[in-house]
Amino acid sequence: MTRAVLTLSLVAGLVTRAAAQWLGVPVWNSPEGGGLTVSADYAKPNCDYGSGSTWGVRLSWGRGIASFTAGAASWQPGGGGESLTSIGGNAAFRILGGTLPPIGSSGIRANVQLGLAHTEVANLVVSPVSGTAVTGALGFGVRLRAQTFSVEPYLSPGIRYRSVSGGGNSTEFGYAIGANVGFGLFGVHLAYDNEQLEGGGNVAVFGVGAHVAP
């Protein structure tokens, strides 16, 4: 009983103040999108977020101006306790760049990204508290190409809505600054995510990862 009570209070607090869609990782983006990509992610939230570390995996598929992603992340907050598992996905639609409409551009890219994820305590059959996150963001990037690699730095500001079972809801502004680096079929990615908190302050997380595009 004591463990259940501690888990409930801890998780409710973490889910309420944590940022992003999948808890414990940045809101990833790729304004160019396209193709099939498998990504593995690792992230470190800051102390205000809840510390600890997060592992995640994502599968993305894009065709034309649309890209769709499904993924999961497991965040182990600092100080021990139960881990939190987030499962969700997003859809992104390129609005600027490439050779396809609405607006063509050889270098600059922009997209609109909508995401949804659900979070529960990982090791309990019935989670005492759960959270749902909805994100809406714009992505602005540019594809820089060299002979053997390409770099896509981007900025992705947006609105994050979060609802916690029995704990109310909030809508906050956040942004991610990141880059996707490609070496043919293999690549790496990194991002820094910052979100304002209701009542003042902010939380942040830095993430890195690798991806393949078979």
Protein backbone atom coordinates (compact mmCIF):
# COMPACT_ATOMS: atom_id res chain seq x y z
CA MET A 1 0.00 0.00 0.00
CA THR A 2 2.82 2.42 0.87
CA ARG A 3 4.51 1.80 -2.47
CA ALA A 4 1.25 2.41 -4.32
CA VAL A 5 0.67 5.72 -2.52
CA LEU A 6 4.23 6.89 -3.16
CA THR A 7 3.97 5.89 -6.82
CA LEU A 8 0.71 7.77 -7.22
CA SER A 9 2.02 11.04 -5.76
CA LEU A 10 5.36 10.82 -7.58
CA VAL A 11 3.93 9.99 -10.99
CA ALA A 12 1.16 12.57 -10.75
CA GLY A 13 3.75 15.26 -10.05
CA LEU A 14 6.10 14.16 -12.80
CA VAL A 15 3.44 13.80 -15.48
CA THR A 16 1.97 17.18 -14.59
CA ARG A 17 5.21 19.14 -14.95
CA ALA A 18 6.99 17.09 -17.63
CA ALA A 19 7.33 18.42 -21.14
CA ALA A 20 7.00 17.07 -24.64
CA GLN A 21 4.86 14.39 -26.28
CA TRP A 22 6.68 11.20 -25.31
CA LEU A 23 7.74 11.99 -21.75
CA GLY A 24 11.46 12.36 -21.18
CA VAL A 25 12.47 13.09 -24.79
CA PRO A 26 12.37 16.19 -27.02
CA VAL A 27 9.61 16.80 -29.54
CA TRP A 28 11.54 15.42 -32.52
CA ASN A 29 10.95 16.86 -35.97
CA SER A 30 12.22 16.63 -39.54
CA PRO A 31 10.78 19.40 -41.72
CA GLU A 32 11.87 17.56 -44.87
CA GLY A 33 10.34 14.19 -43.91
CA GLY A 34 9.85 11.38 -46.41
CA GLY A 35 10.86 7.74 -46.72
CA LEU A 36 11.07 4.95 -44.15
CA THR A 37 13.16 5.65 -41.05
CA VAL A 38 13.83 3.66 -37.88
CA SER A 39 15.15 5.74 -34.96
CA ALA A 40 16.60 4.93 -31.53
CA ASP A 41 16.66 7.77 -28.99
CA TYR A 42 18.34 8.56 -25.67
CA ALA A 43 17.58 11.67 -23.59
CA LYS A 44 18.49 13.36 -20.30
CA PRO A 45 15.83 15.59 -18.71
CA ASN A 46 17.10 18.39 -16.46
CA CYS A 47 16.49 18.57 -12.70
CA ASP A 48 13.37 20.72 -13.01
CA TYR A 49 11.93 18.15 -15.43
CA GLY A 50 12.62 15.20 -13.11
CA SER A 51 16.18 14.11 -14.05
CA GLY A 52 16.83 10.47 -14.89
CA SER A 53 17.17 9.10 -18.40
CA THR A 54 14.93 8.00 -21.26
CA TRP A 55 15.19 5.43 -24.04
CA GLY A 56 12.90 5.50 -27.03
CA VAL A 57 12.26 4.02 -30.46
CA ARG A 58 10.34 5.42 -33.43
CA LEU A 59 9.23 4.22 -36.86
CA SER A 60 8.51 6.88 -39.48
CA TRP A 61 7.11 6.60 -42.99
CA GLY A 62 6.62 9.45 -45.43
CA ARG A 63 5.30 9.87 -48.92
CA GLY A 64 4.88 13.14 -50.78
CA ILE A 65 4.27 15.95 -48.33
CA ALA A 66 3.01 13.72 -45.48
CA SER A 67 4.98 11.77 -42.86
CA PHE A 68 3.65 9.54 -40.07
CA THR A 69 5.48 8.32 -36.95
CA ALA A 70 4.68 5.76 -34.27
CA GLY A 71 6.89 5.30 -31.22
CA ALA A 72 7.40 4.60 -27.56
CA ALA A 73 9.66 5.94 -24.81
CA SER A 74 10.51 4.72 -21.31
CA TRP A 75 11.56 7.38 -18.80
CA GLN A 76 13.20 6.44 -15.51
CA PRO A 77 13.03 9.62 -13.37
CA GLY A 78 15.88 10.45 -11.03
CA GLY A 79 15.68 9.25 -7.46
CA GLY A 80 14.39 5.79 -8.30
CA GLY A 81 10.74 4.82 -8.31
CA GLU A 82 8.66 3.55 -11.16
CA SER A 83 9.45 4.25 -14.80
CA LEU A 84 6.92 5.89 -17.11
CA THR A 85 6.09 4.52 -20.55
CA SER A 86 4.69 6.73 -23.31
CA ILE A 87 3.19 5.35 -26.52
CA GLY A 88 1.95 7.53 -29.33
CA GLY A 89 2.48 8.96 -32.77
CA ASN A 90 2.37 12.04 -34.91
CA ALA A 91 1.58 13.24 -38.40
CA ALA A 92 3.57 15.93 -40.20
CA PHE A 93 2.71 17.77 -43.40
CA ARG A 94 5.32 19.75 -45.33
CA ILE A 95 4.05 23.18 -46.32
CA LEU A 96 7.26 24.61 -47.76
CA GLY A 97 10.17 22.99 -49.58
CA GLY A 98 10.96 20.17 -51.95
CA THR A 99 9.54 19.95 -55.44
CA LEU A 100 5.94 19.27 -54.42
CA PRO A 101 3.23 21.84 -53.63
CA PRO A 102 1.98 23.81 -51.77
CA ILE A 103 5.25 25.83 -52.03
CA GLY A 104 8.45 24.59 -53.66
CA SER A 105 11.92 25.44 -52.36
CA SER A 106 15.34 23.95 -53.06
CA GLY A 107 16.70 24.39 -49.52
CA ILE A 108 14.30 25.78 -46.90
CA ARG A 109 11.73 23.42 -45.42
CA ALA A 110 8.70 23.99 -43.18
CA ASN A 111 6.04 21.65 -41.83
CA VAL A 112 3.08 21.37 -39.49
CA GLN A 113 3.26 18.52 -36.96
CA LEU A 114 0.47 17.13 -34.78
CA GLY A 115 1.17 14.52 -32.09
CA LEU A 116 -0.61 12.44 -29.48
CA ALA A 117 0.81 10.18 -26.73
CA HIS A 118 -0.49 8.34 -23.68
CA THR A 119 1.67 7.74 -20.58
CA GLU A 120 1.27 5.19 -17.78
CA VAL A 121 3.37 3.65 -15.01
CA ALA A 122 5.40 0.89 -16.67
CA ASN A 123 5.52 -1.88 -14.04
CA LEU A 124 1.98 -1.88 -12.70
CA VAL A 125 -0.88 -3.90 -14.17
CA VAL A 126 -3.28 -1.04 -13.46
CA SER A 127 -1.58 2.37 -13.56
CA PRO A 128 -2.66 4.60 -10.62
CA VAL A 129 -2.34 7.69 -12.80
CA SER A 130 -2.03 8.29 -16.52
CA GLY A 131 -1.47 11.26 -18.77
CA THR A 132 -2.33 12.26 -22.31
CA ALA A 133 -0.29 14.79 -24.28
CA VAL A 134 -1.30 16.55 -27.50
CA THR A 135 1.24 18.65 -29.37
CA GLY A 136 0.94 21.03 -32.28
CA ALA A 137 4.07 22.53 -33.77
CA LEU A 138 5.59 24.24 -36.75
CA GLY A 139 8.97 23.13 -38.03
CA PHE A 140 11.45 25.35 -39.90
CA GLY A 141 14.64 23.87 -41.30
CA VAL A 142 17.12 23.90 -44.12
CA ARG A 143 18.83 20.97 -45.81
CA LEU A 144 22.58 21.54 -46.20
CA ARG A 145 24.26 18.98 -48.43
CA ALA A 146 27.92 18.03 -48.76
CA GLN A 147 29.56 15.30 -50.84
CA THR A 148 29.32 12.59 -48.18
CA PHE A 149 26.70 13.84 -45.70
CA SER A 150 23.79 16.24 -45.18
CA VAL A 151 22.69 18.36 -42.21
CA GLU A 152 19.17 19.57 -41.45
CA PRO A 153 19.13 22.09 -38.56
CA TYR A 154 15.64 23.05 -37.44
CA LEU A 155 13.55 25.08 -35.02
CA SER A 156 10.15 23.77 -33.95
CA PRO A 157 7.96 26.01 -31.72
CA GLY A 158 4.49 24.91 -30.70
CA ILE A 159 1.72 24.40 -28.18
CA ARG A 160 1.57 21.40 -25.80
CA TYR A 161 -1.67 20.31 -24.13
CA ARG A 162 -1.49 17.85 -21.25
CA SER A 163 -4.21 16.10 -19.27
CA VAL A 164 -3.56 13.97 -16.17
CA SER A 165 -6.14 11.58 -14.78
CA GLY A 166 -7.52 13.19 -11.63
CA GLY A 167 -5.04 16.05 -11.95
CA GLY A 168 -6.53 18.55 -14.38
CA ASN A 169 -4.93 19.83 -17.58
CA SER A 170 -2.69 22.58 -18.90
CA THR A 171 -1.67 24.17 -22.19
CA GLU A 172 1.87 25.50 -22.51
CA PHE A 173 4.27 26.88 -25.12
CA GLY A 174 7.45 24.98 -25.94
CA TYR A 175 10.11 24.73 -28.59
CA ALA A 176 12.74 22.32 -29.85
CA ILE A 177 16.04 23.18 -31.53
CA GLY A 178 17.74 20.29 -33.24
CA ALA A 179 19.55 18.83 -36.21
CA ASN A 180 19.35 15.69 -38.32
CA VAL A 181 22.62 14.52 -39.88
CA GLY A 182 22.59 11.94 -42.65
CA PHE A 183 25.40 9.73 -43.99
CA GLY A 184 23.52 7.90 -46.71
CA LEU A 185 21.34 5.20 -45.14
CA PHE A 186 22.63 5.93 -41.64
CA GLY A 187 22.28 9.11 -39.60
CA VAL A 188 22.31 10.72 -36.18
CA HIS A 189 20.03 13.32 -34.60
CA LEU A 190 20.01 15.62 -31.58
CA ALA A 191 17.62 18.15 -30.05
CA TYR A 192 17.17 20.46 -27.08
CA ASP A 193 13.57 20.92 -25.91
CA ASN A 194 12.32 23.65 -23.57
CA GLU A 195 8.78 24.13 -22.27
CA GLN A 196 7.25 26.81 -20.09
CA LEU A 197 5.46 25.77 -16.93
CA GLU A 198 2.14 27.00 -15.69
CA GLY A 199 2.84 29.58 -12.99
CA GLY A 200 6.38 30.32 -14.20
CA GLY A 201 9.65 28.52 -14.84
CA ASN A 202 10.44 25.93 -17.47
CA VAL A 203 11.67 22.38 -17.96
CA ALA A 204 14.16 21.11 -20.51
CA VAL A 205 15.52 17.91 -21.99
CA PHE A 206 18.43 17.14 -24.33
CA GLY A 207 18.27 14.11 -26.59
CA VAL A 208 20.47 12.29 -29.09
CA GLY A 209 19.97 9.25 -31.25
CA ALA A 210 20.72 7.29 -34.39
CA HIS A 211 18.53 6.35 -37.32
CA VAL A 212 18.59 4.20 -40.41
CA ALA A 213 16.65 4.67 -43.63
CA PRO A 214 16.56 1.23 -45.28
